[in-house]
Amino acid sequence: MNFIVIGCGRVGAELAHHLFKSGHQVVVVDANKQAFNRLHSDFRGRTLEGEGLAENVLERAGIREADGLAAVTNSDALNAVVSHAAREFFNVPVVVARNYDPSLRGLIETFGLQTVGSTIWGAQRVEEMLINPSEKVVYSAGNGEVEIYEVCIPEEWNNRTLGELLDQLKECRPVALTRAGRSSLPEAVTILRVDDLLNVSSTFEGIGVLTARLSKKAEA
């Protein structure tokens, strides 16, 4: 597949390397020629010096044949405009824009673009690890607004039902239950056993409530 990476900062250089190592054709665009020094020594994709917003630069990068474009500069405005142009005027099938400054996230979202905010996501992950180290994040959707967590059922909840555990917990929904290495789709009437692994889809607030509930001894 053919990909264009706009911006050769740390994120852009790492992304370009991963795409190249996966066997894709990659063109990296940056206005600063020195930025290409960040690329891995074994990177064999193309580099193109120029403004990512310039139509002639995008044409030279092969945007009309591109399967995807990632705008990952440290300018949210540039990322938004380049991504919007790639999608609306050049019909690039997949476009992703980086959100650098959390306060400007709305700028990119107004264009209806797929957005990755590494600052927001990273801060939330660190917070989760500090506050709830027993939780294991299996999958993170969007920018971490909803994640799939894996929690272990403690002895206090042995022989209680899943419905009791998740009662009135609207921001936490069951995904799978694994017992003795075998997974199933749990229901409200499912009886929990100690050391069951429960996967739930939840917001950060929801998993906090669930963790607190698991840590309390169930009433008889």
Protein backbone atom coordinates (compact mmCIF):
# COMPACT_ATOMS: atom_id res chain seq x y z
CA MET A 1 0.00 0.00 0.00
CA ASN A 2 1.06 3.61 -0.56
CA PHE A 3 1.19 5.97 2.41
CA ILE A 4 2.14 9.61 2.90
CA VAL A 5 3.37 10.89 6.25
CA ILE A 6 3.26 14.67 6.66
CA GLY A 7 5.77 15.74 9.32
CA CYS A 8 9.02 14.04 10.23
CA GLY A 9 9.16 14.71 13.94
CA ARG A 10 9.54 11.87 16.41
CA VAL A 11 6.03 10.56 15.73
CA GLY A 12 6.31 10.88 11.95
CA ALA A 13 9.72 9.22 11.80
CA GLU A 14 8.58 6.30 13.95
CA LEU A 15 5.35 5.88 11.97
CA ALA A 16 7.19 5.94 8.65
CA HIS A 17 9.62 3.31 9.88
CA HIS A 18 6.84 1.00 11.08
CA LEU A 19 4.96 1.33 7.79
CA PHE A 20 8.12 0.68 5.78
CA LYS A 21 9.07 -2.36 7.86
CA SER A 22 5.57 -3.72 7.23
CA GLY A 23 6.28 -3.71 3.51
CA HIS A 24 4.46 -0.54 2.44
CA GLN A 25 5.59 2.25 0.14
CA VAL A 26 6.10 5.40 2.23
CA VAL A 27 6.72 9.04 1.37
CA VAL A 28 7.67 11.38 4.21
CA VAL A 29 7.11 15.12 3.73
CA ASP A 30 8.65 17.88 5.84
CA ALA A 31 9.53 21.53 5.24
CA ASN A 32 12.80 21.10 7.15
CA LYS A 33 15.36 18.90 5.40
CA GLN A 34 17.18 18.29 8.68
CA ALA A 35 14.07 16.60 10.07
CA PHE A 36 14.77 13.55 7.91
CA ASN A 37 17.77 12.82 10.13
CA ARG A 38 15.26 11.41 12.61
CA LEU A 39 14.40 8.55 10.26
CA HIS A 40 15.80 5.12 11.11
CA SER A 41 19.01 4.23 9.30
CA ASP A 42 17.33 1.32 7.50
CA PHE A 43 14.40 3.38 6.19
CA ARG A 44 14.24 3.09 2.39
CA GLY A 45 11.13 5.07 1.64
CA ARG A 46 11.07 8.44 -0.12
CA THR A 47 11.64 11.81 1.54
CA LEU A 48 10.29 15.03 0.10
CA GLU A 49 11.26 18.49 1.31
CA GLY A 50 8.42 20.97 1.07
CA GLU A 51 5.33 22.41 2.70
CA GLY A 52 2.78 19.71 3.35
CA LEU A 53 -0.07 22.03 2.44
CA ALA A 54 1.32 22.88 -1.02
CA GLU A 55 -0.62 21.16 -3.79
CA ASN A 56 2.48 20.59 -5.94
CA VAL A 57 4.24 18.94 -2.99
CA LEU A 58 1.31 16.63 -2.37
CA GLU A 59 1.17 15.79 -6.08
CA ARG A 60 4.88 14.92 -6.07
CA ALA A 61 4.30 12.77 -3.01
CA GLY A 62 1.80 10.75 -5.04
CA ILE A 63 -1.35 11.76 -3.21
CA ARG A 64 -3.61 10.72 -6.09
CA GLU A 65 -2.42 7.12 -5.72
CA ALA A 66 -2.15 7.15 -1.92
CA ASP A 67 -4.05 4.59 0.12
CA GLY A 68 -3.66 6.66 3.27
CA LEU A 69 -2.24 9.87 4.68
CA ALA A 70 -1.20 10.79 8.20
CA ALA A 71 -0.69 14.43 9.15
CA VAL A 72 1.45 14.29 12.29
CA THR A 73 3.17 17.67 12.52
CA ASN A 74 3.19 19.73 15.74
CA SER A 75 0.73 22.17 14.17
CA ASP A 76 -2.91 21.21 14.74
CA ALA A 77 -4.07 23.74 12.16
CA LEU A 78 -1.77 22.31 9.50
CA ASN A 79 -2.77 18.75 10.34
CA ALA A 80 -6.45 19.64 10.10
CA VAL A 81 -6.20 21.49 6.78
CA VAL A 82 -3.91 18.96 5.08
CA SER A 83 -6.07 16.05 6.23
CA HIS A 84 -9.25 17.79 5.11
CA ALA A 85 -7.74 18.50 1.67
CA ALA A 86 -6.50 14.93 1.33
CA ARG A 87 -9.94 13.52 2.05
CA GLU A 88 -12.19 16.03 0.29
CA PHE A 89 -10.14 17.09 -2.75
CA PHE A 90 -7.85 14.13 -3.41
CA ASN A 91 -10.21 11.39 -2.16
CA VAL A 92 -7.56 9.61 -0.09
CA PRO A 93 -9.41 6.61 1.42
CA VAL A 94 -7.90 6.77 4.92
CA VAL A 95 -6.78 9.99 6.60
CA VAL A 96 -5.58 10.43 10.17
CA ALA A 97 -4.69 13.71 11.87
CA ARG A 98 -2.56 14.08 14.96
CA ASN A 99 -3.80 16.33 17.77
CA TYR A 100 -0.73 17.95 19.35
CA ASP A 101 -2.31 20.50 21.69
CA PRO A 102 -5.29 19.11 23.70
CA SER A 103 -6.90 22.56 23.85
CA LEU A 104 -7.10 22.58 20.04
CA ARG A 105 -8.60 19.12 19.65
CA GLY A 106 -11.96 20.63 18.70
CA LEU A 107 -10.32 22.29 15.69
CA ILE A 108 -9.59 18.92 14.10
CA GLU A 109 -12.87 17.38 15.20
CA THR A 110 -14.83 20.09 13.36
CA PHE A 111 -13.55 18.58 10.12
CA GLY A 112 -14.91 15.16 11.14
CA LEU A 113 -11.45 13.60 10.89
CA GLN A 114 -10.03 10.53 12.56
CA THR A 115 -7.85 12.01 15.28
CA VAL A 116 -5.12 10.67 17.53
CA GLY A 117 -4.24 12.82 20.55
CA SER A 118 -1.09 11.30 22.00
CA THR A 119 -0.93 13.86 24.81
CA ILE A 120 -4.44 13.14 26.07
CA TRP A 121 -4.13 9.39 25.58
CA GLY A 122 -0.71 9.21 27.21
CA ALA A 123 -1.77 11.23 30.24
CA GLN A 124 -4.84 9.07 30.76
CA ARG A 125 -2.85 5.84 30.50
CA VAL A 126 -0.33 7.05 33.09
CA GLU A 127 -3.20 8.08 35.37
CA GLU A 128 -4.78 4.63 35.01
CA MET A 129 -1.52 2.89 35.81
CA LEU A 130 -0.93 5.07 38.87
CA ILE A 131 -4.42 4.86 40.32
CA ASN A 132 -5.52 1.37 39.29
CA PRO A 133 -2.43 -0.78 38.63
CA SER A 134 -4.48 -4.00 38.88
CA GLU A 135 -6.46 -3.13 35.73
CA LYS A 136 -5.17 -4.33 32.38
CA VAL A 137 -6.13 -2.36 29.28
CA VAL A 138 -6.69 -4.78 26.40
CA TYR A 139 -7.88 -2.30 23.78
CA SER A 140 -8.19 1.47 23.56
CA ALA A 141 -10.75 3.08 21.23
CA GLY A 142 -10.55 6.61 19.89
CA ASN A 143 -8.31 8.59 22.19
CA GLY A 144 -8.99 6.43 25.20
CA GLU A 145 -12.54 7.64 25.89
CA VAL A 146 -13.65 4.00 25.87
CA GLU A 147 -11.33 1.08 26.59
CA ILE A 148 -11.62 -2.65 27.11
CA TYR A 149 -10.26 -3.67 30.49
CA GLU A 150 -9.47 -7.07 31.92
CA VAL A 151 -10.20 -7.54 35.62
CA CYS A 152 -9.83 -10.59 37.83
CA ILE A 153 -12.79 -11.68 39.95
CA PRO A 154 -11.74 -11.77 43.64
CA GLU A 155 -12.89 -14.28 46.23
CA GLU A 156 -15.39 -11.79 47.65
CA TRP A 157 -17.44 -12.05 44.43
CA ASN A 158 -17.29 -15.82 44.06
CA ASN A 159 -20.74 -17.31 43.27
CA ARG A 160 -22.33 -13.88 42.73
CA THR A 161 -23.87 -12.94 39.39
CA LEU A 162 -22.50 -10.62 36.75
CA GLY A 163 -25.76 -8.68 36.94
CA GLU A 164 -25.10 -7.91 40.60
CA LEU A 165 -21.57 -6.75 39.85
CA LEU A 166 -22.60 -4.39 37.06
CA ASP A 167 -25.92 -3.29 38.58
CA GLN A 168 -26.67 0.33 37.58
CA LEU A 169 -23.15 0.73 36.19
CA LYS A 170 -24.12 2.34 32.87
CA GLU A 171 -20.57 3.22 31.81
CA CYS A 172 -19.30 -0.36 32.04
CA ARG A 173 -20.50 -3.23 29.83
CA PRO A 174 -19.41 -6.90 29.71
CA VAL A 175 -17.51 -8.17 26.68
CA ALA A 176 -16.17 -11.63 27.57
CA LEU A 177 -15.56 -13.93 30.51
CA THR A 178 -12.61 -16.33 30.55
CA ARG A 179 -12.52 -19.30 32.89
CA ALA A 180 -9.79 -21.94 32.83
CA GLY A 181 -8.60 -20.62 29.46
CA ARG A 182 -12.00 -20.78 27.78
CA SER A 183 -13.92 -17.60 26.91
CA SER A 184 -17.65 -17.05 26.61
CA LEU A 185 -20.13 -14.22 26.15
CA PRO A 186 -21.45 -13.52 29.66
CA GLU A 187 -25.01 -12.58 30.58
CA ALA A 188 -26.50 -10.93 33.63
CA VAL A 189 -27.29 -14.36 35.13
CA THR A 190 -23.75 -15.67 34.66
CA ILE A 191 -22.31 -16.91 37.95
CA LEU A 192 -18.88 -15.52 38.67
CA ARG A 193 -16.05 -17.67 40.00
CA VAL A 194 -12.92 -16.59 41.80
CA ASP A 195 -10.05 -15.91 39.34
CA ASP A 196 -12.40 -15.52 36.37
CA LEU A 197 -11.05 -12.94 33.93
CA LEU A 198 -13.76 -10.46 32.99
CA ASN A 199 -13.36 -8.15 30.00
CA VAL A 200 -15.47 -5.02 30.14
CA SER A 201 -15.89 -2.06 27.82
CA SER A 202 -15.81 1.04 29.96
CA THR A 203 -15.04 4.70 30.36
CA PHE A 204 -12.33 5.73 32.80
CA GLU A 205 -14.99 6.75 35.31
CA GLY A 206 -16.82 3.46 34.89
CA ILE A 207 -13.80 1.27 35.49
CA GLY A 208 -13.04 3.26 38.61
CA VAL A 209 -16.45 2.44 40.03
CA LEU A 210 -16.12 -1.22 39.04
CA THR A 211 -12.71 -1.52 40.66
CA ALA A 212 -14.02 0.00 43.86
CA ARG A 213 -16.96 -2.41 43.80
CA LEU A 214 -14.70 -5.42 43.28
CA SER A 215 -12.53 -4.40 46.20
CA LYS A 216 -15.49 -4.31 48.59
CA LYS A 217 -16.72 -7.47 50.21
CA ALA A 218 -20.05 -8.46 48.72
CA GLU A 219 -22.98 -8.38 51.08
CA ALA A 220 -24.38 -11.78 52.01
